[in-house]
Amino acid sequence: MIQDIAPHRYRNEYRPEPPSPDSFLLCYDGRRALLRRTEESITFPTFAEAEACADREALYRDYTYLFSIDDMRFYLGDPAYGALPGYAWEDTGVFRNGPSKALRFAGITGWQLSQWYGARRFCGRCGTPMVRDGKERMMRCPSCGLMEYPKICPAAIIAVTHGNRLLLSKYAGRSYTRYALLAGFTEIGETIEETVKREVMEEVGLRVKNLTYYKSQPWSFTDTMLFGFFCELDGDGEDVTLDTDELALAEWFEREDIPVKFEDCSLTNEMMLAFKERRAP
């Protein structure tokens, strides 16, 4: 999956060390990221390159540290650096597949943090401009003391099985048109296991039993922490009652006929393959 970047090591401790000329700037404009891409690699602008279009003193003084991978340090950049020669804006979907996996992971994780920083400029309680905390990754209101931490939304990825069959679906009204598993966000006051049962009932009108936890995945594309579960159909009735606001279709597939190919990115893909290859319930 996209976060599995070993032997590289991702370090998200908030240690805002000053940048060096070879540190990377992650620049975003909406859902676009500034990068240089070839068939063999992707890379991001460095502070040394940004010196050409920025005040050098301010560049190295007014920085926002994000995280490190090995000895590479990453900082939030300004969209104005889009004029740097050799770099271009690309949709964040580019980080799903391709070369330089550790840098793709850096790119989408940085995008998640940039969205959070951009949405926490003012206090949601009193409207005062927020300030960065010096000891942890937190935005603090100097007036009323409100503290805001990065947003992580828990959600379930749900593989509903019935003997040798797996239930697959397609989203309604989205650009992603491949088959996927059922999924849904956890609501206030419910456990992740309750989320599984509720989402299956809401989306396809079925009851499930024997929930088995598979694994989790941070999914920065949607500010989400995904929890993967396999579960069995409760009863013999396979007829689906489709929630057409959420899904375009839902179909049962025999294990051998599941339309999936290996992509080292998502929990959904891994779970579908695990069932097809008999490595999961």
C-alpha atoms as a PDB file:
ATOM      1  CA  MET A   1       0.000   0.000   0.000  1.00  0.00           C
ATOM      2  CA  ILE A   2       1.071   3.578  -0.508  1.00  0.00           C
ATOM      3  CA  GLN A   3       2.390   4.009   3.053  1.00  0.00           C
ATOM      4  CA  ASP A   4       4.568   0.879   2.875  1.00  0.00           C
ATOM      5  CA  ILE A   5       7.822   2.604   1.878  1.00  0.00           C
ATOM      6  CA  ALA A   6      10.406   0.369   3.603  1.00  0.00           C
ATOM      7  CA  PRO A   7      13.384   0.441   3.721  1.00  0.00           C
ATOM      8  CA  HIS A   8      12.685   4.192   3.829  1.00  0.00           C
ATOM      9  CA  ARG A   9      11.523   5.513   7.194  1.00  0.00           C
ATOM     10  CA  TYR A  10       8.749   8.056   7.599  1.00  0.00           C
ATOM     11  CA  ARG A  11       9.177  10.342  10.625  1.00  0.00           C
ATOM     12  CA  ASN A  12       6.166  12.440  11.559  1.00  0.00           C
ATOM     13  CA  GLU A  13       7.443  13.721  14.915  1.00  0.00           C
ATOM     14  CA  TYR A  14       6.965  17.476  15.051  1.00  0.00           C
ATOM     15  CA  ARG A  15      10.575  18.626  15.069  1.00  0.00           C
ATOM     16  CA  PRO A  16      10.594  21.873  13.085  1.00  0.00           C
ATOM     17  CA  GLU A  17      14.303  22.082  12.297  1.00  0.00           C
ATOM     18  CA  PRO A  18      15.380  24.928  10.009  1.00  0.00           C
ATOM     19  CA  PRO A  19      15.510  23.870   6.353  1.00  0.00           C
ATOM     20  CA  SER A  20      18.715  23.400   4.386  1.00  0.00           C
ATOM     21  CA  PRO A  21      19.179  24.190   0.678  1.00  0.00           C
ATOM     22  CA  ASP A  22      18.477  20.555  -0.258  1.00  0.00           C
ATOM     23  CA  SER A  23      15.247  20.334   1.781  1.00  0.00           C
ATOM     24  CA  PHE A  24      12.066  19.868  -0.244  1.00  0.00           C
ATOM     25  CA  LEU A  25       9.154  22.268  -0.680  1.00  0.00           C
ATOM     26  CA  LEU A  26       5.713  20.705  -1.158  1.00  0.00           C
ATOM     27  CA  CYS A  27       3.562  23.231  -3.006  1.00  0.00           C
ATOM     28  CA  TYR A  28      -0.156  22.837  -3.670  1.00  0.00           C
ATOM     29  CA  ASP A  29      -2.863  24.717  -5.509  1.00  0.00           C
ATOM     30  CA  GLY A  30      -6.208  23.137  -4.721  1.00  0.00           C
ATOM     31  CA  ARG A  31      -5.889  19.477  -5.706  1.00  0.00           C
ATOM     32  CA  ARG A  32      -2.738  20.122  -7.737  1.00  0.00           C
ATOM     33  CA  ALA A  33       0.844  19.528  -6.636  1.00  0.00           C
ATOM     34  CA  LEU A  34       4.014  21.067  -8.055  1.00  0.00           C
ATOM     35  CA  LEU A  35       6.489  18.416  -9.187  1.00  0.00           C
ATOM     36  CA  ARG A  36       8.826  17.198 -11.879  1.00  0.00           C
ATOM     37  CA  ARG A  37       7.886  13.808 -13.324  1.00  0.00           C
ATOM     38  CA  THR A  38       9.560  11.362 -15.679  1.00  0.00           C
ATOM     39  CA  GLU A  39       8.897   7.695 -16.389  1.00  0.00           C
ATOM     40  CA  GLU A  40      11.538   6.777 -13.807  1.00  0.00           C
ATOM     41  CA  SER A  41      10.938   9.278 -11.002  1.00  0.00           C
ATOM     42  CA  ILE A  42       9.164  12.244  -9.484  1.00  0.00           C
ATOM     43  CA  THR A  43      10.729  15.010  -7.405  1.00  0.00           C
ATOM     44  CA  PHE A  44       9.813  18.284  -5.736  1.00  0.00           C
ATOM     45  CA  PRO A  45      11.454  21.742  -5.664  1.00  0.00           C
ATOM     46  CA  THR A  46      14.242  22.332  -3.172  1.00  0.00           C
ATOM     47  CA  PHE A  47      14.900  25.452  -1.132  1.00  0.00           C
ATOM     48  CA  ALA A  48      17.994  26.088  -3.253  1.00  0.00           C
ATOM     49  CA  GLU A  49      15.841  26.183  -6.398  1.00  0.00           C
ATOM     50  CA  ALA A  50      13.217  28.386  -4.714  1.00  0.00           C
ATOM     51  CA  GLU A  51      15.835  31.024  -3.907  1.00  0.00           C
ATOM     52  CA  ALA A  52      15.494  32.162  -7.523  1.00  0.00           C
ATOM     53  CA  CYS A  53      11.948  33.443  -6.982  1.00  0.00           C
ATOM     54  CA  ALA A  54      11.768  34.247  -3.256  1.00  0.00           C
ATOM     55  CA  ASP A  55      13.350  36.455  -0.652  1.00  0.00           C
ATOM     56  CA  ARG A  56      16.129  34.210   0.652  1.00  0.00           C
ATOM     57  CA  GLU A  57      16.002  35.472   4.232  1.00  0.00           C
ATOM     58  CA  ALA A  58      12.229  35.043   4.500  1.00  0.00           C
ATOM     59  CA  LEU A  59      12.377  31.667   2.729  1.00  0.00           C
ATOM     60  CA  TYR A  60      14.599  30.156   5.405  1.00  0.00           C
ATOM     61  CA  ARG A  61      12.951  32.024   8.286  1.00  0.00           C
ATOM     62  CA  ASP A  62       9.204  31.663   7.701  1.00  0.00           C
ATOM     63  CA  TYR A  63       8.934  27.926   7.143  1.00  0.00           C
ATOM     64  CA  THR A  64       6.331  25.284   8.001  1.00  0.00           C
ATOM     65  CA  TYR A  65       7.924  21.923   8.734  1.00  0.00           C
ATOM     66  CA  LEU A  66       5.876  18.871   7.700  1.00  0.00           C
ATOM     67  CA  PHE A  67       7.827  15.608   8.187  1.00  0.00           C
ATOM     68  CA  SER A  68      10.947  13.685   7.174  1.00  0.00           C
ATOM     69  CA  ILE A  69      11.653  10.534   5.212  1.00  0.00           C
ATOM     70  CA  ASP A  70      15.125   9.201   5.982  1.00  0.00           C
ATOM     71  CA  ASP A  71      17.354  12.301   5.782  1.00  0.00           C
ATOM     72  CA  MET A  72      14.962  14.188   3.487  1.00  0.00           C
ATOM     73  CA  ARG A  73      13.035  17.002   5.171  1.00  0.00           C
ATOM     74  CA  PHE A  74       9.792  18.340   3.721  1.00  0.00           C
ATOM     75  CA  TYR A  75       8.266  21.789   4.229  1.00  0.00           C
ATOM     76  CA  LEU A  76       5.085  23.486   3.040  1.00  0.00           C
ATOM     77  CA  GLY A  77       5.746  25.656  -0.007  1.00  0.00           C
ATOM     78  CA  ASP A  78       4.000  28.605  -1.619  1.00  0.00           C
ATOM     79  CA  PRO A  79       1.953  28.185  -4.827  1.00  0.00           C
ATOM     80  CA  ALA A  80       3.964  31.128  -6.214  1.00  0.00           C
ATOM     81  CA  TYR A  81       6.826  28.688  -6.772  1.00  0.00           C
ATOM     82  CA  GLY A  82       4.802  27.294  -9.664  1.00  0.00           C
ATOM     83  CA  ALA A  83       6.942  29.475 -11.926  1.00  0.00           C
ATOM     84  CA  LEU A  84      10.073  27.433 -11.187  1.00  0.00           C
ATOM     85  CA  PRO A  85      11.620  26.083 -14.414  1.00  0.00           C
ATOM     86  CA  GLY A  86      11.197  22.352 -14.992  1.00  0.00           C
ATOM     87  CA  TYR A  87       8.258  21.920 -12.626  1.00  0.00           C
ATOM     88  CA  ALA A  88       4.556  21.593 -13.453  1.00  0.00           C
ATOM     89  CA  TRP A  89       1.234  21.343 -11.642  1.00  0.00           C
ATOM     90  CA  GLU A  90      -0.237  17.844 -11.587  1.00  0.00           C
ATOM     91  CA  ASP A  91      -3.437  16.475 -10.056  1.00  0.00           C
ATOM     92  CA  THR A  92      -2.814  14.727  -6.724  1.00  0.00           C
ATOM     93  CA  GLY A  93      -4.101  11.531  -8.341  1.00  0.00           C
ATOM     94  CA  VAL A  94      -0.585  11.198  -9.757  1.00  0.00           C
ATOM     95  CA  PHE A  95       0.509   9.963  -6.322  1.00  0.00           C
ATOM     96  CA  ARG A  96      -1.596   6.785  -6.538  1.00  0.00           C
ATOM     97  CA  ASN A  97       0.745   4.861  -8.833  1.00  0.00           C
ATOM     98  CA  GLY A  98       4.113   5.133 -10.502  1.00  0.00           C
ATOM     99  CA  PRO A  99       7.786   5.455  -9.567  1.00  0.00           C
ATOM    100  CA  SER A 100       9.374   6.986  -6.445  1.00  0.00           C
ATOM    101  CA  LYS A 101       6.916   5.481  -3.989  1.00  0.00           C
ATOM    102  CA  ALA A 102       8.403   7.197  -0.933  1.00  0.00           C
ATOM    103  CA  LEU A 103       8.103  10.570  -2.659  1.00  0.00           C
ATOM    104  CA  ARG A 104       4.558   9.807  -3.811  1.00  0.00           C
ATOM    105  CA  PHE A 105       3.679   9.072  -0.196  1.00  0.00           C
ATOM    106  CA  ALA A 106       5.342  12.341   0.821  1.00  0.00           C
ATOM    107  CA  GLY A 107       3.382  14.221  -1.824  1.00  0.00           C
ATOM    108  CA  ILE A 108      -0.078  13.057  -0.761  1.00  0.00           C
ATOM    109  CA  THR A 109       0.688  13.241   2.976  1.00  0.00           C
ATOM    110  CA  GLY A 110       1.919  16.797   2.518  1.00  0.00           C
ATOM    111  CA  TRP A 111      -1.284  17.625   0.632  1.00  0.00           C
ATOM    112  CA  GLN A 112      -3.375  16.424   3.578  1.00  0.00           C
ATOM    113  CA  LEU A 113      -1.404  18.630   5.964  1.00  0.00           C
ATOM    114  CA  SER A 114      -1.587  21.603   3.618  1.00  0.00           C
ATOM    115  CA  GLN A 115      -5.383  21.292   3.518  1.00  0.00           C
ATOM    116  CA  TRP A 116      -5.476  21.248   7.313  1.00  0.00           C
ATOM    117  CA  TYR A 117      -3.229  24.305   7.677  1.00  0.00           C
ATOM    118  CA  GLY A 118      -5.285  26.174   5.080  1.00  0.00           C
ATOM    119  CA  ALA A 119      -8.557  25.449   6.899  1.00  0.00           C
ATOM    120  CA  ARG A 120      -7.223  26.474  10.319  1.00  0.00           C
ATOM    121  CA  ARG A 121      -6.196  30.054   9.620  1.00  0.00           C
ATOM    122  CA  PHE A 122      -8.866  31.487  11.931  1.00  0.00           C
ATOM    123  CA  CYS A 123     -10.367  30.299  15.194  1.00  0.00           C
ATOM    124  CA  GLY A 124     -13.694  28.565  14.663  1.00  0.00           C
ATOM    125  CA  ARG A 125     -14.904  29.802  18.033  1.00  0.00           C
ATOM    126  CA  CYS A 126     -13.970  33.514  18.123  1.00  0.00           C
ATOM    127  CA  GLY A 127     -12.528  34.271  14.675  1.00  0.00           C
ATOM    128  CA  THR A 128      -9.062  35.320  15.856  1.00  0.00           C
ATOM    129  CA  PRO A 129      -6.131  34.402  13.546  1.00  0.00           C
ATOM    130  CA  MET A 130      -4.601  31.116  14.714  1.00  0.00           C
ATOM    131  CA  VAL A 131      -0.895  30.685  15.489  1.00  0.00           C
ATOM    132  CA  ARG A 132       1.330  27.620  15.183  1.00  0.00           C
ATOM    133  CA  ASP A 133       2.369  25.954  18.398  1.00  0.00           C
ATOM    134  CA  GLY A 134       6.112  25.612  18.929  1.00  0.00           C
ATOM    135  CA  LYS A 135       6.127  22.181  20.586  1.00  0.00           C
ATOM    136  CA  GLU A 136       3.545  20.070  18.732  1.00  0.00           C
ATOM    137  CA  ARG A 137       1.638  20.054  15.467  1.00  0.00           C
ATOM    138  CA  MET A 138      -1.239  22.159  16.631  1.00  0.00           C
ATOM    139  CA  MET A 139      -2.878  25.479  15.762  1.00  0.00           C
ATOM    140  CA  ARG A 140      -3.758  27.592  18.793  1.00  0.00           C
ATOM    141  CA  CYS A 141      -6.000  30.605  19.236  1.00  0.00           C
ATOM    142  CA  PRO A 142      -4.131  33.309  21.187  1.00  0.00           C
ATOM    143  CA  SER A 143      -7.428  34.850  22.280  1.00  0.00           C
ATOM    144  CA  CYS A 144      -9.696  32.060  23.544  1.00  0.00           C
ATOM    145  CA  GLY A 145      -7.153  29.229  23.725  1.00  0.00           C
ATOM    146  CA  LEU A 146      -8.875  26.844  21.270  1.00  0.00           C
ATOM    147  CA  MET A 147      -6.489  24.090  20.146  1.00  0.00           C
ATOM    148  CA  GLU A 148      -6.834  22.413  16.743  1.00  0.00           C
ATOM    149  CA  TYR A 149      -4.990  19.224  15.741  1.00  0.00           C
ATOM    150  CA  PRO A 150      -4.805  17.600  12.279  1.00  0.00           C
ATOM    151  CA  LYS A 151      -8.092  16.037  11.241  1.00  0.00           C
ATOM    152  CA  ILE A 152      -8.250  12.270  10.797  1.00  0.00           C
ATOM    153  CA  CYS A 153     -11.605  10.685   9.909  1.00  0.00           C
ATOM    154  CA  PRO A 154     -12.073   6.972  10.716  1.00  0.00           C
ATOM    155  CA  ALA A 155     -13.792   4.888   8.060  1.00  0.00           C
ATOM    156  CA  ALA A 156     -14.399   1.215   7.281  1.00  0.00           C
ATOM    157  CA  ILE A 157     -13.539  -0.717   4.132  1.00  0.00           C
ATOM    158  CA  ILE A 158     -15.903  -3.682   4.044  1.00  0.00           C
ATOM    159  CA  ALA A 159     -15.486  -6.978   2.195  1.00  0.00           C
ATOM    160  CA  VAL A 160     -18.844  -8.781   2.395  1.00  0.00           C
ATOM    161  CA  THR A 161     -18.456 -12.487   1.581  1.00  0.00           C
ATOM    162  CA  HIS A 162     -20.880 -15.359   1.070  1.00  0.00           C
ATOM    163  CA  GLY A 163     -19.100 -18.650   0.635  1.00  0.00           C
ATOM    164  CA  ASN A 164     -16.983 -18.304  -2.495  1.00  0.00           C
ATOM    165  CA  ARG A 165     -18.495 -14.944  -3.438  1.00  0.00           C
ATOM    166  CA  LEU A 166     -17.518 -11.333  -2.744  1.00  0.00           C
ATOM    167  CA  LEU A 167     -19.779  -8.284  -2.999  1.00  0.00           C
ATOM    168  CA  LEU A 168     -18.326  -5.492  -5.143  1.00  0.00           C
ATOM    169  CA  SER A 169     -19.781  -2.083  -5.880  1.00  0.00           C
ATOM    170  CA  LYS A 170     -19.272   1.029  -7.964  1.00  0.00           C
ATOM    171  CA  TYR A 171     -19.688   4.542  -6.628  1.00  0.00           C
ATOM    172  CA  ALA A 172     -22.435   6.824  -7.925  1.00  0.00           C
ATOM    173  CA  GLY A 173     -21.476  10.190  -9.392  1.00  0.00           C
ATOM    174  CA  ARG A 174     -17.708   9.917  -8.905  1.00  0.00           C
ATOM    175  CA  SER A 175     -14.785   9.983 -11.287  1.00  0.00           C
ATOM    176  CA  TYR A 176     -13.522   6.668  -9.854  1.00  0.00           C
ATOM    177  CA  THR A 177     -15.378   4.050 -11.922  1.00  0.00           C
ATOM    178  CA  ARG A 178     -13.672   0.771 -10.989  1.00  0.00           C
ATOM    179  CA  TYR A 179     -15.183  -1.897  -8.782  1.00  0.00           C
ATOM    180  CA  ALA A 180     -14.568  -1.332  -5.083  1.00  0.00           C
ATOM    181  CA  LEU A 181     -15.636  -2.660  -1.711  1.00  0.00           C
ATOM    182  CA  LEU A 182     -18.316  -1.081   0.415  1.00  0.00           C
ATOM    183  CA  ALA A 183     -17.065   1.755   2.606  1.00  0.00           C
ATOM    184  CA  GLY A 184     -18.272   4.418   4.981  1.00  0.00           C
ATOM    185  CA  PHE A 185     -17.276   6.892   7.673  1.00  0.00           C
ATOM    186  CA  THR A 186     -17.758   6.257  11.384  1.00  0.00           C
ATOM    187  CA  GLU A 187     -20.440   8.409  12.993  1.00  0.00           C
ATOM    188  CA  ILE A 188     -20.239  10.071  16.400  1.00  0.00           C
ATOM    189  CA  GLY A 189     -20.873   7.594  19.215  1.00  0.00           C
ATOM    190  CA  GLU A 190     -20.443   4.339  17.304  1.00  0.00           C
ATOM    191  CA  THR A 191     -17.662   1.772  17.181  1.00  0.00           C
ATOM    192  CA  ILE A 192     -15.917   0.875  13.944  1.00  0.00           C
ATOM    193  CA  GLU A 193     -17.633  -2.533  14.084  1.00  0.00           C
ATOM    194  CA  GLU A 194     -21.012  -0.817  14.284  1.00  0.00           C
ATOM    195  CA  THR A 195     -19.980   1.271  11.294  1.00  0.00           C
ATOM    196  CA  VAL A 196     -19.460  -1.915   9.277  1.00  0.00           C
ATOM    197  CA  LYS A 197     -22.926  -3.263  10.033  1.00  0.00           C
ATOM    198  CA  ARG A 198     -24.667   0.080   9.531  1.00  0.00           C
ATOM    199  CA  GLU A 199     -22.977   0.893   6.233  1.00  0.00           C
ATOM    200  CA  VAL A 200     -23.748  -2.523   4.742  1.00  0.00           C
ATOM    201  CA  MET A 201     -27.400  -2.190   5.723  1.00  0.00           C
ATOM    202  CA  GLU A 202     -27.641   1.389   4.446  1.00  0.00           C
ATOM    203  CA  GLU A 203     -25.859   0.816   1.122  1.00  0.00           C
ATOM    204  CA  VAL A 204     -27.107  -2.638   0.077  1.00  0.00           C
ATOM    205  CA  GLY A 205     -29.792  -3.634   2.613  1.00  0.00           C
ATOM    206  CA  LEU A 206     -27.985  -6.715   3.943  1.00  0.00           C
ATOM    207  CA  ARG A 207     -27.095  -7.977   7.406  1.00  0.00           C
ATOM    208  CA  VAL A 208     -23.614  -9.279   8.161  1.00  0.00           C
ATOM    209  CA  LYS A 209     -21.942 -11.365  10.885  1.00  0.00           C
ATOM    210  CA  ASN A 210     -18.547 -12.745  11.918  1.00  0.00           C
ATOM    211  CA  LEU A 211     -16.585  -9.527  11.421  1.00  0.00           C
ATOM    212  CA  THR A 212     -12.836 -10.114  11.027  1.00  0.00           C
ATOM    213  CA  TYR A 213     -10.416  -7.191  11.238  1.00  0.00           C
ATOM    214  CA  TYR A 214      -7.826  -7.219   8.430  1.00  0.00           C
ATOM    215  CA  LYS A 215      -5.594  -4.134   8.722  1.00  0.00           C
ATOM    216  CA  SER A 216      -5.618  -0.326   8.587  1.00  0.00           C
ATOM    217  CA  GLN A 217      -4.315   2.311   6.198  1.00  0.00           C
ATOM    218  CA  PRO A 218      -3.803   6.087   6.400  1.00  0.00           C
ATOM    219  CA  TRP A 219      -5.479   7.509   3.280  1.00  0.00           C
ATOM    220  CA  SER A 220      -4.460  11.128   2.879  1.00  0.00           C
ATOM    221  CA  PHE A 221      -6.488  11.561  -0.326  1.00  0.00           C
ATOM    222  CA  THR A 222      -9.572  11.992   1.918  1.00  0.00           C
ATOM    223  CA  ASP A 223      -8.129  12.770   5.392  1.00  0.00           C
ATOM    224  CA  THR A 224      -9.107   9.234   6.380  1.00  0.00           C
ATOM    225  CA  MET A 225      -7.844   6.386   8.536  1.00  0.00           C
ATOM    226  CA  LEU A 226      -9.228   3.250   6.912  1.00  0.00           C
ATOM    227  CA  PHE A 227     -10.029   0.071   8.852  1.00  0.00           C
ATOM    228  CA  GLY A 228     -10.449  -3.029   6.713  1.00  0.00           C
ATOM    229  CA  PHE A 229     -12.919  -5.757   7.704  1.00  0.00           C
ATOM    230  CA  PHE A 230     -14.052  -9.021   6.177  1.00  0.00           C
ATOM    231  CA  CYS A 231     -17.544 -10.137   7.179  1.00  0.00           C
ATOM    232  CA  GLU A 232     -20.013 -12.827   6.183  1.00  0.00           C
ATOM    233  CA  LEU A 233     -23.525 -12.426   4.857  1.00  0.00           C
ATOM    234  CA  ASP A 234     -25.997 -13.147   7.674  1.00  0.00           C
ATOM    235  CA  GLY A 235     -28.512 -15.517   6.057  1.00  0.00           C
ATOM    236  CA  ASP A 236     -28.965 -16.774   2.514  1.00  0.00           C
ATOM    237  CA  GLY A 237     -30.711 -13.806   0.927  1.00  0.00           C
ATOM    238  CA  GLU A 238     -28.242 -12.197  -1.509  1.00  0.00           C
ATOM    239  CA  ASP A 239     -30.668  -9.726  -3.077  1.00  0.00           C
ATOM    240  CA  VAL A 240     -29.330  -6.198  -2.834  1.00  0.00           C
ATOM    241  CA  THR A 241     -31.395  -3.122  -1.998  1.00  0.00           C
ATOM    242  CA  LEU A 242     -29.199  -0.432  -3.494  1.00  0.00           C
ATOM    243  CA  ASP A 243     -28.734   3.059  -2.052  1.00  0.00           C
ATOM    244  CA  THR A 244     -28.610   4.864  -5.403  1.00  0.00           C
ATOM    245  CA  ASP A 245     -27.372   8.094  -3.798  1.00  0.00           C
ATOM    246  CA  GLU A 246     -24.147   6.318  -2.829  1.00  0.00           C
ATOM    247  CA  LEU A 247     -23.759   3.459  -5.312  1.00  0.00           C
ATOM    248  CA  ALA A 248     -24.281   2.945  -9.026  1.00  0.00           C
ATOM    249  CA  LEU A 249     -24.388  -0.839  -8.626  1.00  0.00           C
ATOM    250  CA  ALA A 250     -23.471  -3.747  -6.347  1.00  0.00           C
ATOM    251  CA  GLU A 251     -22.817  -7.267  -7.629  1.00  0.00           C
ATOM    252  CA  TRP A 252     -21.697 -10.642  -6.272  1.00  0.00           C
ATOM    253  CA  PHE A 253     -18.602 -12.136  -7.910  1.00  0.00           C
ATOM    254  CA  GLU A 254     -17.240 -15.660  -7.697  1.00  0.00           C
ATOM    255  CA  ARG A 255     -13.752 -15.602  -6.199  1.00  0.00           C
ATOM    256  CA  GLU A 256     -12.089 -16.558  -9.474  1.00  0.00           C
ATOM    257  CA  ASP A 257     -13.937 -13.857 -11.451  1.00  0.00           C
ATOM    258  CA  ILE A 258     -13.161 -10.838  -9.262  1.00  0.00           C
ATOM    259  CA  PRO A 259     -12.014  -8.020 -11.631  1.00  0.00           C
ATOM    260  CA  VAL A 260      -8.871  -6.863  -9.827  1.00  0.00           C
ATOM    261  CA  LYS A 261      -5.178  -6.513 -10.621  1.00  0.00           C
ATOM    262  CA  PHE A 262      -2.338  -5.774  -8.239  1.00  0.00           C
ATOM    263  CA  GLU A 263      -1.766  -2.076  -7.499  1.00  0.00           C
ATOM    264  CA  ASP A 264       0.503  -1.252  -4.585  1.00  0.00           C
ATOM    265  CA  CYS A 265      -1.584   1.625  -3.317  1.00  0.00           C
ATOM    266  CA  SER A 266      -4.909   0.987  -1.595  1.00  0.00           C
ATOM    267  CA  LEU A 267      -6.337  -1.193   1.150  1.00  0.00           C
ATOM    268  CA  THR A 268      -9.356  -1.897  -1.055  1.00  0.00           C
ATOM    269  CA  ASN A 269      -7.185  -3.364  -3.808  1.00  0.00           C
ATOM    270  CA  GLU A 270      -5.220  -5.489  -1.333  1.00  0.00           C
ATOM    271  CA  MET A 271      -8.363  -6.900   0.297  1.00  0.00           C
ATOM    272  CA  MET A 272      -9.951  -7.796  -3.041  1.00  0.00           C
ATOM    273  CA  LEU A 273      -6.761  -9.587  -4.096  1.00  0.00           C
ATOM    274  CA  ALA A 274      -6.455 -11.329  -0.725  1.00  0.00           C
ATOM    275  CA  PHE A 275      -9.927 -12.839  -1.133  1.00  0.00           C
ATOM    276  CA  LYS A 276      -9.375 -13.762  -4.780  1.00  0.00           C
ATOM    277  CA  GLU A 277      -6.091 -15.498  -3.956  1.00  0.00           C
ATOM    278  CA  ARG A 278      -7.532 -17.253  -0.880  1.00  0.00           C
ATOM    279  CA  ARG A 279      -5.346 -15.314   1.553  1.00  0.00           C
ATOM    280  CA  ALA A 280      -8.347 -14.025   3.512  1.00  0.00           C
ATOM    281  CA  PRO A 281     -11.687 -15.406   4.752  1.00  0.00           C
END
